[in-house]
Amino acid sequence: MTVNLPNLTDIERTGLEYAKDIGERVVATFVVAAGGVGVAAGPADMFHSSFWETMAAAGLAAAGTLIKGILARPFGTKNSASFVRGA
């Protein structure tokens, strides 16, 4: 009887690709959210926020992206943190 398990290097490569994908998405979300809050609180003068309020808003947005990416893994492409197949 033979058991066909995936090669360990394939598993490592899949995990590394997924980690890179979700890491990039979380960092990008944090930067964009921080920039958006900063612009709205600064030159656009839509509301006032401190540095830490800006960082908290960006952190919450990044955490949301992380959770979405983890939940998307079983449904989307194997090595992607997206719900869209092939992305």
PDB file of N, CA and C in Angstrom:
ATOM      1  N   MET A   1       0.848  -1.175   0.000  1.00  0.00           N
ATOM      2  CA  MET A   1       0.000   0.000   0.000  1.00  0.00           C
ATOM      3  C   MET A   1       0.892   1.236   0.000  1.00  0.00           C
ATOM      4  N   THR A   2       0.591   2.139  -0.883  1.00  0.00           N
ATOM      5  CA  THR A   2       1.374   3.361  -0.995  1.00  0.00           C
ATOM      6  C   THR A   2       0.513   4.571  -0.636  1.00  0.00           C
ATOM      7  N   VAL A   3       1.131   5.472   0.082  1.00  0.00           N
ATOM      8  CA  VAL A   3       0.447   6.713   0.447  1.00  0.00           C
ATOM      9  C   VAL A   3       1.081   7.834  -0.365  1.00  0.00           C
ATOM     10  N   ASN A   4       0.270   8.534  -1.129  1.00  0.00           N
ATOM     11  CA  ASN A   4       0.774   9.624  -1.964  1.00  0.00           C
ATOM     12  C   ASN A   4       0.602  10.948  -1.239  1.00  0.00           C
ATOM     13  N   LEU A   5       1.636  11.374  -0.571  1.00  0.00           N
ATOM     14  CA  LEU A   5       1.630  12.666   0.119  1.00  0.00           C
ATOM     15  C   LEU A   5       2.400  13.667  -0.727  1.00  0.00           C
ATOM     16  N   PRO A   6       2.047  14.950  -0.635  1.00  0.00           N
ATOM     17  CA  PRO A   6       2.806  15.945  -1.388  1.00  0.00           C
ATOM     18  C   PRO A   6       4.244  16.028  -0.887  1.00  0.00           C
ATOM     19  N   ASN A   7       5.112  16.375  -1.790  1.00  0.00           N
ATOM     20  CA  ASN A   7       6.516  16.555  -1.465  1.00  0.00           C
ATOM     21  C   ASN A   7       6.652  17.715  -0.471  1.00  0.00           C
ATOM     22  N   LEU A   8       7.554  17.578   0.494  1.00  0.00           N
ATOM     23  CA  LEU A   8       7.722  18.615   1.518  1.00  0.00           C
ATOM     24  C   LEU A   8       8.117  19.949   0.900  1.00  0.00           C
ATOM     25  N   THR A   9       8.931  19.938  -0.139  1.00  0.00           N
ATOM     26  CA  THR A   9       9.321  21.206  -0.764  1.00  0.00           C
ATOM     27  C   THR A   9       8.124  21.897  -1.405  1.00  0.00           C
ATOM     28  N   ASP A  10       7.171  21.131  -1.947  1.00  0.00           N
ATOM     29  CA  ASP A  10       5.955  21.732  -2.503  1.00  0.00           C
ATOM     30  C   ASP A  10       5.125  22.399  -1.416  1.00  0.00           C
ATOM     31  N   ILE A  11       5.016  21.753  -0.270  1.00  0.00           N
ATOM     32  CA  ILE A  11       4.277  22.326   0.858  1.00  0.00           C
ATOM     33  C   ILE A  11       4.954  23.604   1.341  1.00  0.00           C
ATOM     34  N   GLU A  12       6.276  23.574   1.448  1.00  0.00           N
ATOM     35  CA  GLU A  12       7.012  24.771   1.877  1.00  0.00           C
ATOM     36  C   GLU A  12       6.833  25.902   0.881  1.00  0.00           C
ATOM     37  N   ARG A  13       6.888  25.587  -0.415  1.00  0.00           N
ATOM     38  CA  ARG A  13       6.744  26.622  -1.445  1.00  0.00           C
ATOM     39  C   ARG A  13       5.335  27.210  -1.413  1.00  0.00           C
ATOM     40  N   THR A  14       4.332  26.371  -1.246  1.00  0.00           N
ATOM     41  CA  THR A  14       2.955  26.842  -1.164  1.00  0.00           C
ATOM     42  C   THR A  14       2.771  27.763   0.043  1.00  0.00           C
ATOM     43  N   GLY A  15       3.279  27.339   1.194  1.00  0.00           N
ATOM     44  CA  GLY A  15       3.179  28.165   2.394  1.00  0.00           C
ATOM     45  C   GLY A  15       3.914  29.479   2.261  1.00  0.00           C
ATOM     46  N   LEU A  16       5.077  29.456   1.637  1.00  0.00           N
ATOM     47  CA  LEU A  16       5.864  30.676   1.449  1.00  0.00           C
ATOM     48  C   LEU A  16       5.157  31.639   0.497  1.00  0.00           C
ATOM     49  N   GLU A  17       4.601  31.118  -0.585  1.00  0.00           N
ATOM     50  CA  GLU A  17       3.877  31.975  -1.527  1.00  0.00           C
ATOM     51  C   GLU A  17       2.660  32.610  -0.855  1.00  0.00           C
ATOM     52  N   TYR A  18       1.935  31.829  -0.074  1.00  0.00           N
ATOM     53  CA  TYR A  18       0.760  32.346   0.630  1.00  0.00           C
ATOM     54  C   TYR A  18       1.169  33.403   1.651  1.00  0.00           C
ATOM     55  N   ALA A  19       2.240  33.134   2.392  1.00  0.00           N
ATOM     56  CA  ALA A  19       2.714  34.099   3.399  1.00  0.00           C
ATOM     57  C   ALA A  19       3.140  35.409   2.741  1.00  0.00           C
ATOM     58  N   LYS A  20       3.826  35.332   1.613  1.00  0.00           N
ATOM     59  CA  LYS A  20       4.224  36.549   0.893  1.00  0.00           C
ATOM     60  C   LYS A  20       2.998  37.317   0.423  1.00  0.00           C
ATOM     61  N   ASP A  21       2.025  36.595  -0.135  1.00  0.00           N
ATOM     62  CA  ASP A  21       0.815  37.219  -0.656  1.00  0.00           C
ATOM     63  C   ASP A  21       0.047  37.940   0.445  1.00  0.00           C
ATOM     64  N   ILE A  22      -0.225  37.248   1.538  1.00  0.00           N
ATOM     65  CA  ILE A  22      -1.013  37.869   2.599  1.00  0.00           C
ATOM     66  C   ILE A  22      -0.217  38.959   3.315  1.00  0.00           C
ATOM     67  N   GLY A  23       1.090  38.773   3.462  1.00  0.00           N
ATOM     68  CA  GLY A  23       1.932  39.808   4.076  1.00  0.00           C
ATOM     69  C   GLY A  23       1.907  41.100   3.270  1.00  0.00           C
ATOM     70  N   GLU A  24       2.020  40.959   1.954  1.00  0.00           N
ATOM     71  CA  GLU A  24       1.992  42.142   1.088  1.00  0.00           C
ATOM     72  C   GLU A  24       0.644  42.843   1.178  1.00  0.00           C
ATOM     73  N   ARG A  25      -0.426  42.079   1.215  1.00  0.00           N
ATOM     74  CA  ARG A  25      -1.763  42.675   1.289  1.00  0.00           C
ATOM     75  C   ARG A  25      -1.977  43.418   2.608  1.00  0.00           C
ATOM     76  N   VAL A  26      -1.515  42.832   3.704  1.00  0.00           N
ATOM     77  CA  VAL A  26      -1.694  43.458   5.020  1.00  0.00           C
ATOM     78  C   VAL A  26      -0.872  44.747   5.115  1.00  0.00           C
ATOM     79  N   VAL A  27       0.377  44.713   4.667  1.00  0.00           N
ATOM     80  CA  VAL A  27       1.227  45.909   4.712  1.00  0.00           C
ATOM     81  C   VAL A  27       0.651  47.000   3.813  1.00  0.00           C
ATOM     82  N   ALA A  28       0.221  46.627   2.610  1.00  0.00           N
ATOM     83  CA  ALA A  28      -0.346  47.616   1.693  1.00  0.00           C
ATOM     84  C   ALA A  28      -1.611  48.240   2.269  1.00  0.00           C
ATOM     85  N   THR A  29      -2.460  47.441   2.889  1.00  0.00           N
ATOM     86  CA  THR A  29      -3.679  47.973   3.502  1.00  0.00           C
ATOM     87  C   THR A  29      -3.344  48.941   4.620  1.00  0.00           C
ATOM     88  N   PHE A  30      -2.347  48.593   5.450  1.00  0.00           N
ATOM     89  CA  PHE A  30      -1.944  49.471   6.542  1.00  0.00           C
ATOM     90  C   PHE A  30      -1.458  50.817   6.002  1.00  0.00           C
ATOM     91  N   VAL A  31      -0.593  50.780   5.000  1.00  0.00           N
ATOM     92  CA  VAL A  31      -0.021  52.016   4.443  1.00  0.00           C
ATOM     93  C   VAL A  31      -1.114  52.879   3.805  1.00  0.00           C
ATOM     94  N   VAL A  32      -1.981  52.263   3.021  1.00  0.00           N
ATOM     95  CA  VAL A  32      -3.037  53.026   2.352  1.00  0.00           C
ATOM     96  C   VAL A  32      -4.025  53.593   3.370  1.00  0.00           C
ATOM     97  N   ALA A  33      -4.402  52.805   4.376  1.00  0.00           N
ATOM     98  CA  ALA A  33      -5.339  53.299   5.393  1.00  0.00           C
ATOM     99  C   ALA A  33      -4.721  54.441   6.195  1.00  0.00           C
ATOM    100  N   ALA A  34      -3.451  54.295   6.565  1.00  0.00           N
ATOM    101  CA  ALA A  34      -2.778  55.364   7.313  1.00  0.00           C
ATOM    102  C   ALA A  34      -2.696  56.636   6.471  1.00  0.00           C
ATOM    103  N   GLY A  35      -2.373  56.474   5.199  1.00  0.00           N
ATOM    104  CA  GLY A  35      -2.319  57.639   4.308  1.00  0.00           C
ATOM    105  C   GLY A  35      -3.675  58.296   4.144  1.00  0.00           C
ATOM    106  N   GLY A  36      -4.717  57.484   3.982  1.00  0.00           N
ATOM    107  CA  GLY A  36      -6.063  58.027   3.822  1.00  0.00           C
ATOM    108  C   GLY A  36      -6.547  58.770   5.051  1.00  0.00           C
ATOM    109  N   VAL A  37      -6.308  58.185   6.218  1.00  0.00           N
ATOM    110  CA  VAL A  37      -6.706  58.855   7.456  1.00  0.00           C
ATOM    111  C   VAL A  37      -5.880  60.118   7.652  1.00  0.00           C
ATOM    112  N   GLY A  38      -4.594  60.033   7.343  1.00  0.00           N
ATOM    113  CA  GLY A  38      -3.721  61.199   7.478  1.00  0.00           C
ATOM    114  C   GLY A  38      -4.152  62.353   6.584  1.00  0.00           C
ATOM    115  N   VAL A  39      -4.518  62.048   5.350  1.00  0.00           N
ATOM    116  CA  VAL A  39      -4.969  63.092   4.424  1.00  0.00           C
ATOM    117  C   VAL A  39      -6.305  63.663   4.891  1.00  0.00           C
ATOM    118  N   ALA A  40      -7.209  62.799   5.320  1.00  0.00           N
ATOM    119  CA  ALA A  40      -8.519  63.280   5.771  1.00  0.00           C
ATOM    120  C   ALA A  40      -8.393  64.138   7.025  1.00  0.00           C
ATOM    121  N   ALA A  41      -7.447  63.808   7.897  1.00  0.00           N
ATOM    122  CA  ALA A  41      -7.281  64.563   9.138  1.00  0.00           C
ATOM    123  C   ALA A  41      -6.397  65.780   8.950  1.00  0.00           C
ATOM    124  N   GLY A  42      -5.626  65.793   7.877  1.00  0.00           N
ATOM    125  CA  GLY A  42      -4.676  66.882   7.673  1.00  0.00           C
ATOM    126  C   GLY A  42      -5.167  67.901   6.666  1.00  0.00           C
ATOM    127  N   PRO A  43      -4.588  67.883   5.463  1.00  0.00           N
ATOM    128  CA  PRO A  43      -4.912  68.900   4.454  1.00  0.00           C
ATOM    129  C   PRO A  43      -6.394  68.954   4.082  1.00  0.00           C
ATOM    130  N   ALA A  44      -7.058  67.804   4.045  1.00  0.00           N
ATOM    131  CA  ALA A  44      -8.476  67.806   3.683  1.00  0.00           C
ATOM    132  C   ALA A  44      -9.338  68.322   4.830  1.00  0.00           C
ATOM    133  N   ASP A  45      -8.819  68.288   6.050  1.00  0.00           N
ATOM    134  CA  ASP A  45      -9.482  68.806   7.243  1.00  0.00           C
ATOM    135  C   ASP A  45     -10.907  68.277   7.412  1.00  0.00           C
ATOM    136  N   MET A  46     -11.080  66.965   7.141  1.00  0.00           N
ATOM    137  CA  MET A  46     -12.401  66.358   7.309  1.00  0.00           C
ATOM    138  C   MET A  46     -12.684  66.042   8.770  1.00  0.00           C
ATOM    139  N   PHE A  47     -11.668  65.638   9.480  1.00  0.00           N
ATOM    140  CA  PHE A  47     -11.796  65.358  10.901  1.00  0.00           C
ATOM    141  C   PHE A  47     -10.417  65.458  11.519  1.00  0.00           C
ATOM    142  N   HIS A  48     -10.371  65.466  12.833  1.00  0.00           N
ATOM    143  CA  HIS A  48      -9.092  65.582  13.511  1.00  0.00           C
ATOM    144  C   HIS A  48      -8.772  64.262  14.187  1.00  0.00           C
ATOM    145  N   SER A  49      -7.552  63.799  13.981  1.00  0.00           N
ATOM    146  CA  SER A  49      -7.125  62.560  14.641  1.00  0.00           C
ATOM    147  C   SER A  49      -5.671  62.709  15.052  1.00  0.00           C
ATOM    148  N   SER A  50      -5.335  62.073  16.139  1.00  0.00           N
ATOM    149  CA  SER A  50      -3.947  62.073  16.588  1.00  0.00           C
ATOM    150  C   SER A  50      -3.172  61.023  15.801  1.00  0.00           C
ATOM    151  N   PHE A  51      -1.874  61.009  15.972  1.00  0.00           N
ATOM    152  CA  PHE A  51      -1.027  60.008  15.325  1.00  0.00           C
ATOM    153  C   PHE A  51      -1.486  58.608  15.701  1.00  0.00           C
ATOM    154  N   TRP A  52      -1.768  58.396  16.976  1.00  0.00           N
ATOM    155  CA  TRP A  52      -2.132  57.056  17.441  1.00  0.00           C
ATOM    156  C   TRP A  52      -3.518  56.644  16.970  1.00  0.00           C
ATOM    157  N   GLU A  53      -4.430  57.599  16.829  1.00  0.00           N
ATOM    158  CA  GLU A  53      -5.739  57.274  16.259  1.00  0.00           C
ATOM    159  C   GLU A  53      -5.600  56.866  14.791  1.00  0.00           C
ATOM    160  N   THR A  54      -4.711  57.546  14.087  1.00  0.00           N
ATOM    161  CA  THR A  54      -4.438  57.196  12.693  1.00  0.00           C
ATOM    162  C   THR A  54      -3.851  55.794  12.599  1.00  0.00           C
ATOM    163  N   MET A  55      -2.874  55.494  13.452  1.00  0.00           N
ATOM    164  CA  MET A  55      -2.246  54.173  13.437  1.00  0.00           C
ATOM    165  C   MET A  55      -3.235  53.080  13.841  1.00  0.00           C
ATOM    166  N   ALA A  56      -4.132  53.381  14.778  1.00  0.00           N
ATOM    167  CA  ALA A  56      -5.140  52.405  15.190  1.00  0.00           C
ATOM    168  C   ALA A  56      -6.107  52.115  14.047  1.00  0.00           C
ATOM    169  N   ALA A  57      -6.537  53.149  13.337  1.00  0.00           N
ATOM    170  CA  ALA A  57      -7.439  52.945  12.198  1.00  0.00           C
ATOM    171  C   ALA A  57      -6.759  52.111  11.118  1.00  0.00           C
ATOM    172  N   ALA A  58      -5.495  52.411  10.842  1.00  0.00           N
ATOM    173  CA  ALA A  58      -4.756  51.649   9.838  1.00  0.00           C
ATOM    174  C   ALA A  58      -4.548  50.210  10.303  1.00  0.00           C
ATOM    175  N   GLY A  59      -4.272  50.020  11.575  1.00  0.00           N
ATOM    176  CA  GLY A  59      -4.090  48.670  12.117  1.00  0.00           C
ATOM    177  C   GLY A  59      -5.363  47.843  12.043  1.00  0.00           C
ATOM    178  N   LEU A  60      -6.502  48.469  12.318  1.00  0.00           N
ATOM    179  CA  LEU A  60      -7.778  47.766  12.201  1.00  0.00           C
ATOM    180  C   LEU A  60      -8.057  47.367  10.754  1.00  0.00           C
ATOM    181  N   ALA A  61      -7.745  48.252   9.831  1.00  0.00           N
ATOM    182  CA  ALA A  61      -7.938  47.917   8.415  1.00  0.00           C
ATOM    183  C   ALA A  61      -7.020  46.768   8.008  1.00  0.00           C
ATOM    184  N   ALA A  62      -5.766  46.797   8.455  1.00  0.00           N
ATOM    185  CA  ALA A  62      -4.825  45.722   8.138  1.00  0.00           C
ATOM    186  C   ALA A  62      -5.251  44.404   8.776  1.00  0.00           C
ATOM    187  N   ALA A  63      -5.769  44.455   9.995  1.00  0.00           N
ATOM    188  CA  ALA A  63      -6.253  43.236  10.654  1.00  0.00           C
ATOM    189  C   ALA A  63      -7.442  42.659   9.895  1.00  0.00           C
ATOM    190  N   GLY A  64      -8.302  43.506   9.394  1.00  0.00           N
ATOM    191  CA  GLY A  64      -9.422  43.046   8.574  1.00  0.00           C
ATOM    192  C   GLY A  64      -8.943  42.357   7.312  1.00  0.00           C
ATOM    193  N   THR A  65      -7.906  42.903   6.695  1.00  0.00           N
ATOM    194  CA  THR A  65      -7.330  42.285   5.505  1.00  0.00           C
ATOM    195  C   THR A  65      -6.725  40.930   5.837  1.00  0.00           C
ATOM    196  N   LEU A  66      -6.055  40.836   6.971  1.00  0.00           N
ATOM    197  CA  LEU A  66      -5.459  39.566   7.396  1.00  0.00           C
ATOM    198  C   LEU A  66      -6.543  38.502   7.604  1.00  0.00           C
ATOM    199  N   ILE A  67      -7.602  38.857   8.302  1.00  0.00           N
ATOM    200  CA  ILE A  67      -8.692  37.905   8.556  1.00  0.00           C
ATOM    201  C   ILE A  67      -9.345  37.482   7.239  1.00  0.00           C
ATOM    202  N   LYS A  68      -9.588  38.434   6.365  1.00  0.00           N
ATOM    203  CA  LYS A  68     -10.178  38.117   5.061  1.00  0.00           C
ATOM    204  C   LYS A  68      -9.272  37.187   4.277  1.00  0.00           C
ATOM    205  N   GLY A  69      -7.982  37.423   4.292  1.00  0.00           N
ATOM    206  CA  GLY A  69      -7.041  36.576   3.572  1.00  0.00           C
ATOM    207  C   GLY A  69      -6.991  35.159   4.113  1.00  0.00           C
ATOM    208  N   ILE A  70      -7.068  35.028   5.419  1.00  0.00           N
ATOM    209  CA  ILE A  70      -7.067  33.697   6.034  1.00  0.00           C
ATOM    210  C   ILE A  70      -8.360  32.957   5.689  1.00  0.00           C
ATOM    211  N   LEU A  71      -9.483  33.654   5.726  1.00  0.00           N
ATOM    212  CA  LEU A  71     -10.763  33.030   5.397  1.00  0.00           C
ATOM    213  C   LEU A  71     -10.872  32.700   3.914  1.00  0.00           C
ATOM    214  N   ALA A  72     -10.188  33.449   3.063  1.00  0.00           N
ATOM    215  CA  ALA A  72     -10.264  33.237   1.618  1.00  0.00           C
ATOM    216  C   ALA A  72      -9.436  32.041   1.155  1.00  0.00           C
ATOM    217  N   ARG A  73      -8.442  31.654   1.919  1.00  0.00           N
ATOM    218  CA  ARG A  73      -7.534  30.579   1.495  1.00  0.00           C
ATOM    219  C   ARG A  73      -8.247  29.305   1.075  1.00  0.00           C
ATOM    220  N   PRO A  74      -9.224  28.799   1.837  1.00  0.00           N
ATOM    221  CA  PRO A  74      -9.869  27.544   1.428  1.00  0.00           C
ATOM    222  C   PRO A  74     -10.737  27.669   0.171  1.00  0.00           C
ATOM    223  N   PHE A  75     -11.152  28.880  -0.194  1.00  0.00           N
ATOM    224  CA  PHE A  75     -12.106  29.059  -1.284  1.00  0.00           C
ATOM    225  C   PHE A  75     -11.480  29.539  -2.582  1.00  0.00           C
ATOM    226  N   GLY A  76     -10.386  30.275  -2.505  1.00  0.00           N
ATOM    227  CA  GLY A  76      -9.768  30.828  -3.701  1.00  0.00           C
ATOM    228  C   GLY A  76      -8.669  29.930  -4.241  1.00  0.00           C
ATOM    229  N   THR A  77      -7.752  30.515  -4.980  1.00  0.00           N
ATOM    230  CA  THR A  77      -6.602  29.790  -5.501  1.00  0.00           C
ATOM    231  C   THR A  77      -5.723  29.342  -4.345  1.00  0.00           C
ATOM    232  N   LYS A  78      -5.089  28.201  -4.492  1.00  0.00           N
ATOM    233  CA  LYS A  78      -4.337  27.565  -3.403  1.00  0.00           C
ATOM    234  C   LYS A  78      -3.276  28.475  -2.777  1.00  0.00           C
ATOM    235  N   ASN A  79      -2.545  29.223  -3.565  1.00  0.00           N
ATOM    236  CA  ASN A  79      -1.441  30.036  -3.049  1.00  0.00           C
ATOM    237  C   ASN A  79      -1.790  31.513  -2.947  1.00  0.00           C
ATOM    238  N   SER A  80      -3.069  31.826  -2.848  1.00  0.00           N
ATOM    239  CA  SER A  80      -3.486  33.221  -2.835  1.00  0.00           C
ATOM    240  C   SER A  80      -4.368  33.510  -1.631  1.00  0.00           C
ATOM    241  N   ALA A  81      -4.361  34.761  -1.208  1.00  0.00           N
ATOM    242  CA  ALA A  81      -5.214  35.191  -0.107  1.00  0.00           C
ATOM    243  C   ALA A  81      -6.450  35.912  -0.649  1.00  0.00           C
ATOM    244  N   SER A  82      -6.839  35.555  -1.872  1.00  0.00           N
ATOM    245  CA  SER A  82      -7.970  36.201  -2.531  1.00  0.00           C
ATOM    246  C   SER A  82      -9.112  35.216  -2.719  1.00  0.00           C
ATOM    247  N   PHE A  83     -10.348  35.712  -2.633  1.00  0.00           N
ATOM    248  CA  PHE A  83     -11.511  34.881  -2.918  1.00  0.00           C
ATOM    249  C   PHE A  83     -11.650  34.607  -4.414  1.00  0.00           C
ATOM    250  N   VAL A  84     -11.034  35.452  -5.244  1.00  0.00           N
ATOM    251  CA  VAL A  84     -11.137  35.313  -6.691  1.00  0.00           C
ATOM    252  C   VAL A  84     -10.211  34.205  -7.170  1.00  0.00           C
ATOM    253  N   ARG A  85     -10.771  33.236  -7.865  1.00  0.00           N
ATOM    254  CA  ARG A  85      -9.949  32.141  -8.387  1.00  0.00           C
ATOM    255  C   ARG A  85      -9.029  32.682  -9.492  1.00  0.00           C
ATOM    256  N   GLY A  86      -7.776  32.241  -9.454  1.00  0.00           N
ATOM    257  CA  GLY A  86      -6.810  32.646 -10.456  1.00  0.00           C
ATOM    258  C   GLY A  86      -6.090  33.941 -10.124  1.00  0.00           C
ATOM    259  N   ALA A  87      -6.413  34.571  -9.006  1.00  0.00           N
ATOM    260  CA  ALA A  87      -5.761  35.838  -8.635  1.00  0.00           C
ATOM    261  C   ALA A  87      -4.485  35.569  -7.872  1.00  0.00           C
TER     262      ALA A  87
END
